Amino acid sequence: MVLQLPIYDQHIMLIFMIQSFGMKKITTLFISFVLFLQLSAQTTISWVSTSQSGQWEMQSGLTAVAASGNADVEVNTGQPLQSIEGFGTCFNELGWTSLSMLSAKDREGILKELFAPGVGANFTICRMPVAANDFSRKWYSYNETAADFEMKHFSIDNDLQTLVPFIKAAQKYNPSLKLWASPWSPPMWMKYNKHYAARSVLGNTNFKSEEWGMDLTGINNGLQPEQEGKEGTDMFVQEEKYYRAYALYFEKFIKAYRKQHINIGMVMPQNEFNSAQVFPSCTWTAVGLAKFVGYLGPQMKK
């Protein structure tokens, strides 16, 4: 089986892999992808790479040859067993602010290449954050009124400036675009450390510039070392009234977006539930997460 894609689709795959896997692994992964696409062509392979030192550089010099011996992976097209729901990326606030800096013509051209069927990447299912993530303009939630267990002060006003117009701009080219949503952090008052982040920068020597792509020396995310969460622990307050309030939070999120003519098809209770990060994050144990799903599931069923 030979899969052929236009070069622009390969660019999009490069961007997607950088976001998903990090800059260190991108070269091998992307070369493998191109080899798979063009192996039967018996031609010299070209590809585009992006790094901190050079962006969108054309590379060449690899020659595709016929494989010999046993393959590591074989695709049996004669016996389909699984189906793929679709491919996509993540809507983020900083993605929209960046697109907004472009001319209307350039912005629409990019959106068309990403989402219009039969044009470019043809993204059909995308992820979005529930409030702030690590690509937000600022850290926020939809309700920071402490002890508001009835969610009377819930609001997506912030998203009306960024995420909502971003998604609507994509829906213009693909009205049937599917969405699934995940929070990076609950509201601060629902966490034991009363902060969006789970890991402090202060006094931490583990942040190396080659790991993060930047030097975090002197940067303070506002979290004190004693407030840090730990992997394998619950940072979310383990009480029934908090579980119920957080499940209601999800319901109000879905209904608020529905009023904007944006339907959320799926939710995940937590992004990277065992990862304490310097940006919005929240660690959960398997037991704590299972307890919350016991409240979230019935709320979503309604």
C-alpha atoms as a PDB file:
ATOM      1  CA  MET A   1       0.000   0.000   0.000  1.00  0.00           C
ATOM      2  CA  VAL A   2       1.390   3.412  -0.969  1.00  0.00           C
ATOM      3  CA  LEU A   3       0.023   6.511   0.746  1.00  0.00           C
ATOM      4  CA  GLN A   4       0.592   9.735  -1.173  1.00  0.00           C
ATOM      5  CA  LEU A   5       0.114  13.176   0.326  1.00  0.00           C
ATOM      6  CA  PRO A   6       0.937  16.637  -1.015  1.00  0.00           C
ATOM      7  CA  ILE A   7       3.961  18.314   0.544  1.00  0.00           C
ATOM      8  CA  TYR A   8       1.795  20.707   2.580  1.00  0.00           C
ATOM      9  CA  ASP A   9       0.276  17.772   4.459  1.00  0.00           C
ATOM     10  CA  GLN A  10       3.784  16.693   5.397  1.00  0.00           C
ATOM     11  CA  HIS A  11       4.407  20.167   6.808  1.00  0.00           C
ATOM     12  CA  ILE A  12       1.296  19.853   8.944  1.00  0.00           C
ATOM     13  CA  MET A  13       2.425  16.447  10.188  1.00  0.00           C
ATOM     14  CA  LEU A  14       5.736  18.037  11.180  1.00  0.00           C
ATOM     15  CA  ILE A  15       3.995  20.723  13.207  1.00  0.00           C
ATOM     16  CA  PHE A  16       1.747  18.155  14.875  1.00  0.00           C
ATOM     17  CA  MET A  17       4.674  15.958  15.865  1.00  0.00           C
ATOM     18  CA  ILE A  18       6.618  18.870  17.340  1.00  0.00           C
ATOM     19  CA  GLN A  19       3.680  19.616  19.621  1.00  0.00           C
ATOM     20  CA  SER A  20       3.143  15.993  20.537  1.00  0.00           C
ATOM     21  CA  PHE A  21       6.630  14.560  20.901  1.00  0.00           C
ATOM     22  CA  GLY A  22       9.013  17.450  21.474  1.00  0.00           C
ATOM     23  CA  MET A  23      11.876  18.777  19.376  1.00  0.00           C
ATOM     24  CA  LYS A  24      14.391  16.057  20.319  1.00  0.00           C
ATOM     25  CA  LYS A  25      12.483  13.224  18.645  1.00  0.00           C
ATOM     26  CA  ILE A  26      11.124  15.062  15.653  1.00  0.00           C
ATOM     27  CA  THR A  27      13.858  14.280  13.123  1.00  0.00           C
ATOM     28  CA  THR A  28      13.668  10.499  13.393  1.00  0.00           C
ATOM     29  CA  LEU A  29       9.892  10.427  13.551  1.00  0.00           C
ATOM     30  CA  PHE A  30       9.394  12.694  10.576  1.00  0.00           C
ATOM     31  CA  ILE A  31      12.004  10.962   8.409  1.00  0.00           C
ATOM     32  CA  SER A  32      10.302   7.660   9.161  1.00  0.00           C
ATOM     33  CA  PHE A  33       6.993   9.165   8.101  1.00  0.00           C
ATOM     34  CA  VAL A  34       8.366  10.378   4.783  1.00  0.00           C
ATOM     35  CA  LEU A  35      10.136   7.081   4.154  1.00  0.00           C
ATOM     36  CA  PHE A  36       6.853   5.280   4.619  1.00  0.00           C
ATOM     37  CA  LEU A  37       5.176   7.605   2.155  1.00  0.00           C
ATOM     38  CA  GLN A  38       7.753   7.351  -0.584  1.00  0.00           C
ATOM     39  CA  LEU A  39       9.606   4.067  -0.077  1.00  0.00           C
ATOM     40  CA  SER A  40       8.228   2.480  -3.231  1.00  0.00           C
ATOM     41  CA  ALA A  41       9.169   5.498  -5.331  1.00  0.00           C
ATOM     42  CA  GLN A  42      12.877   4.566  -5.555  1.00  0.00           C
ATOM     43  CA  THR A  43      13.803   8.235  -5.561  1.00  0.00           C
ATOM     44  CA  THR A  44      15.790  10.670  -3.478  1.00  0.00           C
ATOM     45  CA  ILE A  45      13.741  11.858  -0.525  1.00  0.00           C
ATOM     46  CA  SER A  46      13.378  15.484   0.523  1.00  0.00           C
ATOM     47  CA  TRP A  47      11.851  16.735   3.724  1.00  0.00           C
ATOM     48  CA  VAL A  48      11.435  19.928   5.710  1.00  0.00           C
ATOM     49  CA  SER A  49      12.796  20.293   9.238  1.00  0.00           C
ATOM     50  CA  THR A  50      12.362  22.954  11.909  1.00  0.00           C
ATOM     51  CA  SER A  51      14.531  23.539  14.957  1.00  0.00           C
ATOM     52  CA  GLN A  52      15.428  26.451  17.212  1.00  0.00           C
ATOM     53  CA  SER A  53      18.404  27.344  15.048  1.00  0.00           C
ATOM     54  CA  GLY A  54      16.662  27.039  11.680  1.00  0.00           C
ATOM     55  CA  GLN A  55      13.043  27.056  10.596  1.00  0.00           C
ATOM     56  CA  TRP A  56      11.504  25.328   7.556  1.00  0.00           C
ATOM     57  CA  GLU A  57      14.825  24.168   6.105  1.00  0.00           C
ATOM     58  CA  MET A  58      14.685  21.835   3.117  1.00  0.00           C
ATOM     59  CA  GLN A  59      16.733  18.683   3.626  1.00  0.00           C
ATOM     60  CA  SER A  60      17.715  16.044   1.074  1.00  0.00           C
ATOM     61  CA  GLY A  61      20.148  13.213   0.493  1.00  0.00           C
ATOM     62  CA  LEU A  62      18.198  10.083   1.453  1.00  0.00           C
ATOM     63  CA  THR A  63      17.436   7.497  -1.196  1.00  0.00           C
ATOM     64  CA  ALA A  64      14.512   5.122  -0.853  1.00  0.00           C
ATOM     65  CA  VAL A  65      15.309   1.510  -1.664  1.00  0.00           C
ATOM     66  CA  ALA A  66      13.269  -1.648  -1.620  1.00  0.00           C
ATOM     67  CA  ALA A  67      13.101  -3.315   1.793  1.00  0.00           C
ATOM     68  CA  SER A  68      14.588  -6.739   2.396  1.00  0.00           C
ATOM     69  CA  GLY A  69      13.999  -9.291   5.129  1.00  0.00           C
ATOM     70  CA  ASN A  70      11.118  -9.328   7.565  1.00  0.00           C
ATOM     71  CA  ALA A  71       9.256  -6.079   8.123  1.00  0.00           C
ATOM     72  CA  ASP A  72       8.736  -4.681  11.607  1.00  0.00           C
ATOM     73  CA  VAL A  73       5.176  -3.713  10.702  1.00  0.00           C
ATOM     74  CA  GLU A  74       2.910  -4.956   7.956  1.00  0.00           C
ATOM     75  CA  VAL A  75      -0.376  -3.349   6.918  1.00  0.00           C
ATOM     76  CA  ASN A  76      -2.904  -5.962   5.877  1.00  0.00           C
ATOM     77  CA  THR A  77      -5.370  -3.988   3.781  1.00  0.00           C
ATOM     78  CA  GLY A  78      -7.360  -7.133   3.062  1.00  0.00           C
ATOM     79  CA  GLN A  79      -8.527  -7.565   6.654  1.00  0.00           C
ATOM     80  CA  PRO A  80      -9.640  -4.301   8.277  1.00  0.00           C
ATOM     81  CA  LEU A  81      -9.881  -4.610  12.063  1.00  0.00           C
ATOM     82  CA  GLN A  82      -9.988  -1.037  13.366  1.00  0.00           C
ATOM     83  CA  SER A  83     -11.257   2.266  12.065  1.00  0.00           C
ATOM     84  CA  ILE A  84      -9.703   5.691  12.635  1.00  0.00           C
ATOM     85  CA  GLU A  85     -12.084   8.345  13.909  1.00  0.00           C
ATOM     86  CA  GLY A  86     -10.008  11.131  12.401  1.00  0.00           C
ATOM     87  CA  PHE A  87      -6.914  13.280  12.736  1.00  0.00           C
ATOM     88  CA  GLY A  88      -6.506  16.707  14.253  1.00  0.00           C
ATOM     89  CA  THR A  89      -4.708  19.066  16.572  1.00  0.00           C
ATOM     90  CA  CYS A  90      -5.484  21.197  19.642  1.00  0.00           C
ATOM     91  CA  PHE A  91      -7.218  24.570  19.756  1.00  0.00           C
ATOM     92  CA  ASN A  92      -5.185  26.874  22.024  1.00  0.00           C
ATOM     93  CA  GLU A  93      -5.481  30.548  22.896  1.00  0.00           C
ATOM     94  CA  LEU A  94      -1.998  31.372  21.624  1.00  0.00           C
ATOM     95  CA  GLY A  95      -2.803  29.665  18.345  1.00  0.00           C
ATOM     96  CA  TRP A  96      -5.640  32.127  17.811  1.00  0.00           C
ATOM     97  CA  THR A  97      -3.674  35.199  18.897  1.00  0.00           C
ATOM     98  CA  SER A  98      -0.946  34.207  16.436  1.00  0.00           C
ATOM     99  CA  LEU A  99      -3.409  33.699  13.582  1.00  0.00           C
ATOM    100  CA  SER A 100      -5.003  37.035  14.445  1.00  0.00           C
ATOM    101  CA  MET A 101      -1.727  38.804  13.690  1.00  0.00           C
ATOM    102  CA  LEU A 102      -1.949  37.720  10.052  1.00  0.00           C
ATOM    103  CA  SER A 103      -3.915  39.339   7.278  1.00  0.00           C
ATOM    104  CA  ALA A 104      -7.428  38.012   6.838  1.00  0.00           C
ATOM    105  CA  LYS A 105      -6.424  36.428   3.539  1.00  0.00           C
ATOM    106  CA  ASP A 106      -3.437  34.564   5.024  1.00  0.00           C
ATOM    107  CA  ARG A 107      -5.412  33.483   8.086  1.00  0.00           C
ATOM    108  CA  GLU A 108      -8.261  32.100   5.995  1.00  0.00           C
ATOM    109  CA  GLY A 109      -5.781  30.341   3.744  1.00  0.00           C
ATOM    110  CA  ILE A 110      -4.259  28.528   6.714  1.00  0.00           C
ATOM    111  CA  LEU A 111      -7.636  27.590   8.170  1.00  0.00           C
ATOM    112  CA  LYS A 112      -8.758  26.273   4.805  1.00  0.00           C
ATOM    113  CA  GLU A 113      -5.612  24.141   4.478  1.00  0.00           C
ATOM    114  CA  LEU A 114      -6.141  22.739   7.964  1.00  0.00           C
ATOM    115  CA  PHE A 115      -9.862  22.043   8.018  1.00  0.00           C
ATOM    116  CA  ALA A 116     -11.478  22.125   4.561  1.00  0.00           C
ATOM    117  CA  PRO A 117     -12.235  18.599   3.262  1.00  0.00           C
ATOM    118  CA  GLY A 118     -10.110  17.564   0.312  1.00  0.00           C
ATOM    119  CA  VAL A 119      -7.744  20.539   0.502  1.00  0.00           C
ATOM    120  CA  GLY A 120      -4.870  19.989   2.923  1.00  0.00           C
ATOM    121  CA  ALA A 121      -4.612  18.303   6.299  1.00  0.00           C
ATOM    122  CA  ASN A 122      -8.388  17.742   6.436  1.00  0.00           C
ATOM    123  CA  PHE A 123      -8.499  17.700  10.259  1.00  0.00           C
ATOM    124  CA  THR A 124     -11.771  16.165  11.429  1.00  0.00           C
ATOM    125  CA  ILE A 125     -11.444  15.716  15.209  1.00  0.00           C
ATOM    126  CA  CYS A 126      -9.707  18.195  17.492  1.00  0.00           C
ATOM    127  CA  ARG A 127      -8.917  18.676  21.136  1.00  0.00           C
ATOM    128  CA  MET A 128      -9.484  21.783  23.231  1.00  0.00           C
ATOM    129  CA  PRO A 129      -8.663  22.789  26.806  1.00  0.00           C
ATOM    130  CA  VAL A 130     -11.259  23.296  29.516  1.00  0.00           C
ATOM    131  CA  ALA A 131     -10.032  26.756  30.617  1.00  0.00           C
ATOM    132  CA  ALA A 132      -6.283  27.444  30.828  1.00  0.00           C
ATOM    133  CA  ASN A 133      -3.519  25.206  29.532  1.00  0.00           C
ATOM    134  CA  ASP A 134       0.179  25.793  28.826  1.00  0.00           C
ATOM    135  CA  PHE A 135      -0.662  27.726  25.640  1.00  0.00           C
ATOM    136  CA  SER A 136      -3.017  30.261  27.240  1.00  0.00           C
ATOM    137  CA  ARG A 137      -2.663  34.030  27.403  1.00  0.00           C
ATOM    138  CA  LYS A 138      -2.974  33.785  31.172  1.00  0.00           C
ATOM    139  CA  TRP A 139      -3.951  31.185  33.756  1.00  0.00           C
ATOM    140  CA  TYR A 140      -7.654  31.114  34.459  1.00  0.00           C
ATOM    141  CA  SER A 141     -10.630  28.885  35.141  1.00  0.00           C
ATOM    142  CA  TYR A 142     -14.351  29.346  34.547  1.00  0.00           C
ATOM    143  CA  ASN A 143     -15.117  29.930  38.210  1.00  0.00           C
ATOM    144  CA  GLU A 144     -12.670  31.247  40.795  1.00  0.00           C
ATOM    145  CA  THR A 145     -15.307  32.145  43.376  1.00  0.00           C
ATOM    146  CA  ALA A 146     -14.215  30.003  46.296  1.00  0.00           C
ATOM    147  CA  ALA A 147     -16.754  27.528  47.684  1.00  0.00           C
ATOM    148  CA  ASP A 148     -19.226  28.235  44.865  1.00  0.00           C
ATOM    149  CA  PHE A 149     -20.353  24.622  44.787  1.00  0.00           C
ATOM    150  CA  GLU A 150     -23.483  25.500  42.808  1.00  0.00           C
ATOM    151  CA  MET A 151     -21.380  27.179  40.087  1.00  0.00           C
ATOM    152  CA  LYS A 152     -23.427  30.382  40.197  1.00  0.00           C
ATOM    153  CA  HIS A 153     -20.421  32.396  38.997  1.00  0.00           C
ATOM    154  CA  PHE A 154     -19.444  30.088  36.139  1.00  0.00           C
ATOM    155  CA  SER A 155     -18.473  31.979  32.966  1.00  0.00           C
ATOM    156  CA  ILE A 156     -16.670  31.331  29.673  1.00  0.00           C
ATOM    157  CA  ASP A 157     -16.305  35.073  28.945  1.00  0.00           C
ATOM    158  CA  ASN A 158     -12.543  34.692  28.493  1.00  0.00           C
ATOM    159  CA  ASP A 159     -13.025  32.071  25.784  1.00  0.00           C
ATOM    160  CA  LEU A 160     -15.322  34.347  23.791  1.00  0.00           C
ATOM    161  CA  GLN A 161     -12.200  36.296  22.838  1.00  0.00           C
ATOM    162  CA  THR A 162     -10.061  33.358  21.737  1.00  0.00           C
ATOM    163  CA  LEU A 163     -11.147  29.714  21.755  1.00  0.00           C
ATOM    164  CA  VAL A 164     -14.712  30.310  20.592  1.00  0.00           C
ATOM    165  CA  PRO A 165     -13.790  32.393  17.515  1.00  0.00           C
ATOM    166  CA  PHE A 166     -10.934  29.958  16.757  1.00  0.00           C
ATOM    167  CA  ILE A 167     -13.271  26.963  16.715  1.00  0.00           C
ATOM    168  CA  LYS A 168     -15.943  28.833  14.773  1.00  0.00           C
ATOM    169  CA  ALA A 169     -13.331  29.819  12.193  1.00  0.00           C
ATOM    170  CA  ALA A 170     -12.512  26.120  11.768  1.00  0.00           C
ATOM    171  CA  GLN A 171     -16.195  25.152  11.625  1.00  0.00           C
ATOM    172  CA  LYS A 172     -16.599  27.517   8.685  1.00  0.00           C
ATOM    173  CA  TYR A 173     -14.582  25.016   6.630  1.00  0.00           C
ATOM    174  CA  ASN A 174     -15.756  21.851   8.389  1.00  0.00           C
ATOM    175  CA  PRO A 175     -19.151  22.243  10.108  1.00  0.00           C
ATOM    176  CA  SER A 176     -19.044  18.599  11.234  1.00  0.00           C
ATOM    177  CA  LEU A 177     -15.731  19.000  13.082  1.00  0.00           C
ATOM    178  CA  LYS A 178     -15.711  16.835  16.217  1.00  0.00           C
ATOM    179  CA  LEU A 179     -14.351  18.135  19.518  1.00  0.00           C
ATOM    180  CA  TRP A 180     -13.140  16.582  22.740  1.00  0.00           C
ATOM    181  CA  ALA A 181     -12.122  18.605  25.772  1.00  0.00           C
ATOM    182  CA  SER A 182      -9.753  18.192  28.706  1.00  0.00           C
ATOM    183  CA  PRO A 183      -8.857  20.408  31.675  1.00  0.00           C
ATOM    184  CA  TRP A 184      -5.241  21.042  32.564  1.00  0.00           C
ATOM    185  CA  SER A 185      -6.242  22.261  36.026  1.00  0.00           C
ATOM    186  CA  PRO A 186      -9.459  22.578  38.040  1.00  0.00           C
ATOM    187  CA  PRO A 187     -10.252  25.954  39.623  1.00  0.00           C
ATOM    188  CA  MET A 188      -7.595  26.813  42.188  1.00  0.00           C
ATOM    189  CA  TRP A 189      -9.954  26.596  45.153  1.00  0.00           C
ATOM    190  CA  MET A 190     -10.675  22.968  44.312  1.00  0.00           C
ATOM    191  CA  LYS A 191      -7.020  21.987  44.762  1.00  0.00           C
ATOM    192  CA  TYR A 192      -5.118  21.421  47.984  1.00  0.00           C
ATOM    193  CA  ASN A 193      -2.330  23.804  46.976  1.00  0.00           C
ATOM    194  CA  LYS A 194      -4.739  26.560  45.815  1.00  0.00           C
ATOM    195  CA  HIS A 195      -2.709  27.208  42.657  1.00  0.00           C
ATOM    196  CA  TYR A 196      -2.959  26.369  38.953  1.00  0.00           C
ATOM    197  CA  ALA A 197       0.558  24.930  38.731  1.00  0.00           C
ATOM    198  CA  ALA A 198       1.681  21.727  40.410  1.00  0.00           C
ATOM    199  CA  ARG A 199       5.437  22.220  40.317  1.00  0.00           C
ATOM    200  CA  SER A 200       7.517  25.147  41.511  1.00  0.00           C
ATOM    201  CA  VAL A 201      10.329  26.782  39.571  1.00  0.00           C
ATOM    202  CA  LEU A 202      11.885  28.266  42.711  1.00  0.00           C
ATOM    203  CA  GLY A 203      14.885  26.335  43.982  1.00  0.00           C
ATOM    204  CA  ASN A 204      14.441  23.654  41.355  1.00  0.00           C
ATOM    205  CA  THR A 205      17.605  22.706  39.504  1.00  0.00           C
ATOM    206  CA  ASN A 206      15.957  20.254  37.118  1.00  0.00           C
ATOM    207  CA  PHE A 207      14.987  22.802  34.496  1.00  0.00           C
ATOM    208  CA  LYS A 208      17.743  22.620  31.916  1.00  0.00           C
ATOM    209  CA  SER A 209      17.628  24.844  28.874  1.00  0.00           C
ATOM    210  CA  GLU A 210      18.163  21.924  26.490  1.00  0.00           C
ATOM    211  CA  GLU A 211      15.192  20.100  28.029  1.00  0.00           C
ATOM    212  CA  TRP A 212      12.736  22.983  27.934  1.00  0.00           C
ATOM    213  CA  GLY A 213      14.127  24.966  25.026  1.00  0.00           C
ATOM    214  CA  MET A 214      14.549  27.984  27.301  1.00  0.00           C
ATOM    215  CA  ASP A 215      16.381  29.143  30.386  1.00  0.00           C
ATOM    216  CA  LEU A 216      13.981  29.334  33.344  1.00  0.00           C
ATOM    217  CA  THR A 217      16.530  30.874  35.690  1.00  0.00           C
ATOM    218  CA  GLY A 218      14.872  33.640  37.695  1.00  0.00           C
ATOM    219  CA  ILE A 219      11.374  32.880  36.399  1.00  0.00           C
ATOM    220  CA  ASN A 220       8.755  32.500  39.131  1.00  0.00           C
ATOM    221  CA  ASN A 221       5.405  30.840  38.433  1.00  0.00           C
ATOM    222  CA  GLY A 222       4.124  31.924  41.839  1.00  0.00           C
ATOM    223  CA  LEU A 223       4.145  28.456  43.394  1.00  0.00           C
ATOM    224  CA  GLN A 224       6.214  27.948  46.516  1.00  0.00           C
ATOM    225  CA  PRO A 225       8.203  24.699  46.836  1.00  0.00           C
ATOM    226  CA  GLU A 226       6.068  23.591  49.785  1.00  0.00           C
ATOM    227  CA  GLN A 227       2.952  23.876  47.580  1.00  0.00           C
ATOM    228  CA  GLU A 228       4.204  21.390  45.003  1.00  0.00           C
ATOM    229  CA  GLY A 229       2.137  18.413  44.032  1.00  0.00           C
ATOM    230  CA  LYS A 230       3.697  15.011  43.770  1.00  0.00           C
ATOM    231  CA  GLU A 231       3.124  12.319  41.203  1.00  0.00           C
ATOM    232  CA  GLY A 232       1.050   9.513  42.681  1.00  0.00           C
ATOM    233  CA  THR A 233      -0.952  11.881  44.902  1.00  0.00           C
ATOM    234  CA  ASP A 234      -4.306  13.633  44.668  1.00  0.00           C
ATOM    235  CA  MET A 235      -4.076  17.408  44.366  1.00  0.00           C
ATOM    236  CA  PHE A 236      -7.832  17.708  43.900  1.00  0.00           C
ATOM    237  CA  VAL A 237      -9.707  18.009  47.204  1.00  0.00           C
ATOM    238  CA  GLN A 238     -11.050  14.549  47.945  1.00  0.00           C
ATOM    239  CA  GLU A 239     -14.504  15.446  49.227  1.00  0.00           C
ATOM    240  CA  GLU A 240     -17.928  14.656  47.796  1.00  0.00           C
ATOM    241  CA  LYS A 241     -19.054  18.290  47.521  1.00  0.00           C
ATOM    242  CA  TYR A 242     -15.960  19.067  45.417  1.00  0.00           C
ATOM    243  CA  TYR A 243     -16.559  16.064  43.170  1.00  0.00           C
ATOM    244  CA  ARG A 244     -20.166  17.118  42.604  1.00  0.00           C
ATOM    245  CA  ALA A 245     -19.230  20.734  41.960  1.00  0.00           C
ATOM    246  CA  TYR A 246     -16.534  19.765  39.477  1.00  0.00           C
ATOM    247  CA  ALA A 247     -18.903  17.476  37.565  1.00  0.00           C
ATOM    248  CA  LEU A 248     -21.347  20.406  37.413  1.00  0.00           C
ATOM    249  CA  TYR A 249     -18.459  22.546  36.136  1.00  0.00           C
ATOM    250  CA  PHE A 250     -18.104  20.192  33.164  1.00  0.00           C
ATOM    251  CA  GLU A 251     -21.844  20.308  32.505  1.00  0.00           C
ATOM    252  CA  LYS A 252     -21.919  24.094  32.491  1.00  0.00           C
ATOM    253  CA  PHE A 253     -18.892  24.153  30.183  1.00  0.00           C
ATOM    254  CA  ILE A 254     -20.661  21.941  27.634  1.00  0.00           C
ATOM    255  CA  LYS A 255     -23.895  23.925  27.851  1.00  0.00           C
ATOM    256  CA  ALA A 256     -22.113  27.281  27.579  1.00  0.00           C
ATOM    257  CA  TYR A 257     -20.327  26.169  24.431  1.00  0.00           C
ATOM    258  CA  ARG A 258     -23.552  24.719  23.044  1.00  0.00           C
ATOM    259  CA  LYS A 259     -25.063  28.211  23.295  1.00  0.00           C
ATOM    260  CA  GLN A 260     -22.209  29.318  21.036  1.00  0.00           C
ATOM    261  CA  HIS A 261     -23.249  26.603  18.546  1.00  0.00           C
ATOM    262  CA  ILE A 262     -20.207  24.516  19.436  1.00  0.00           C
ATOM    263  CA  ASN A 263     -20.923  20.931  20.470  1.00  0.00           C
ATOM    264  CA  ILE A 264     -18.424  19.095  22.667  1.00  0.00           C
ATOM    265  CA  GLY A 265     -18.598  15.403  21.851  1.00  0.00           C
ATOM    266  CA  MET A 266     -16.261  13.989  24.490  1.00  0.00           C
ATOM    267  CA  VAL A 267     -14.487  15.011  27.690  1.00  0.00           C
ATOM    268  CA  MET A 268     -11.483  13.680  29.558  1.00  0.00           C
ATOM    269  CA  PRO A 269     -11.345  14.312  33.330  1.00  0.00           C
ATOM    270  CA  GLN A 270      -7.686  15.418  33.415  1.00  0.00           C
ATOM    271  CA  ASN A 271      -4.775  16.079  31.098  1.00  0.00           C
ATOM    272  CA  GLU A 272      -1.672  14.092  32.153  1.00  0.00           C
ATOM    273  CA  PHE A 273      -3.142  13.095  35.508  1.00  0.00           C
ATOM    274  CA  ASN A 274       0.198  11.888  36.902  1.00  0.00           C
ATOM    275  CA  SER A 275       2.317  14.831  35.817  1.00  0.00           C
ATOM    276  CA  ALA A 276       3.183  17.763  38.107  1.00  0.00           C
ATOM    277  CA  GLN A 277       4.029  20.667  35.803  1.00  0.00           C
ATOM    278  CA  VAL A 278       5.174  24.286  36.181  1.00  0.00           C
ATOM    279  CA  PHE A 279       2.084  25.289  34.169  1.00  0.00           C
ATOM    280  CA  PRO A 280      -1.588  24.449  34.902  1.00  0.00           C
ATOM    281  CA  SER A 281      -1.729  20.807  35.950  1.00  0.00           C
ATOM    282  CA  CYS A 282      -3.202  18.533  38.593  1.00  0.00           C
ATOM    283  CA  THR A 283      -2.071  15.109  39.739  1.00  0.00           C
ATOM    284  CA  TRP A 284      -4.581  12.399  40.620  1.00  0.00           C
ATOM    285  CA  THR A 285      -4.254   8.880  41.926  1.00  0.00           C
ATOM    286  CA  ALA A 286      -6.112   6.123  40.108  1.00  0.00           C
ATOM    287  CA  VAL A 287      -8.451   5.828  43.094  1.00  0.00           C
ATOM    288  CA  GLY A 288      -9.157   9.566  43.218  1.00  0.00           C
ATOM    289  CA  LEU A 289      -9.754   9.746  39.488  1.00  0.00           C
ATOM    290  CA  ALA A 290     -12.071   6.735  39.574  1.00  0.00           C
ATOM    291  CA  LYS A 291     -14.102   8.358  42.343  1.00  0.00           C
ATOM    292  CA  PHE A 292     -14.506  11.552  40.333  1.00  0.00           C
ATOM    293  CA  VAL A 293     -15.507   9.642  37.183  1.00  0.00           C
ATOM    294  CA  GLY A 294     -18.293   8.143  39.306  1.00  0.00           C
ATOM    295  CA  TYR A 295     -19.738  11.652  39.546  1.00  0.00           C
ATOM    296  CA  LEU A 296     -18.695  12.905  36.106  1.00  0.00           C
ATOM    297  CA  GLY A 297     -20.145   9.939  34.193  1.00  0.00           C
ATOM    298  CA  PRO A 298     -23.781  10.397  35.321  1.00  0.00           C
ATOM    299  CA  GLN A 299     -23.498  14.167  34.811  1.00  0.00           C
ATOM    300  CA  MET A 300     -22.323  13.638  31.241  1.00  0.00           C
ATOM    301  CA  LYS A 301     -25.008  11.034  30.591  1.00  0.00           C
ATOM    302  CA  LYS A 302     -27.652  13.687  31.300  1.00  0.00           C
END
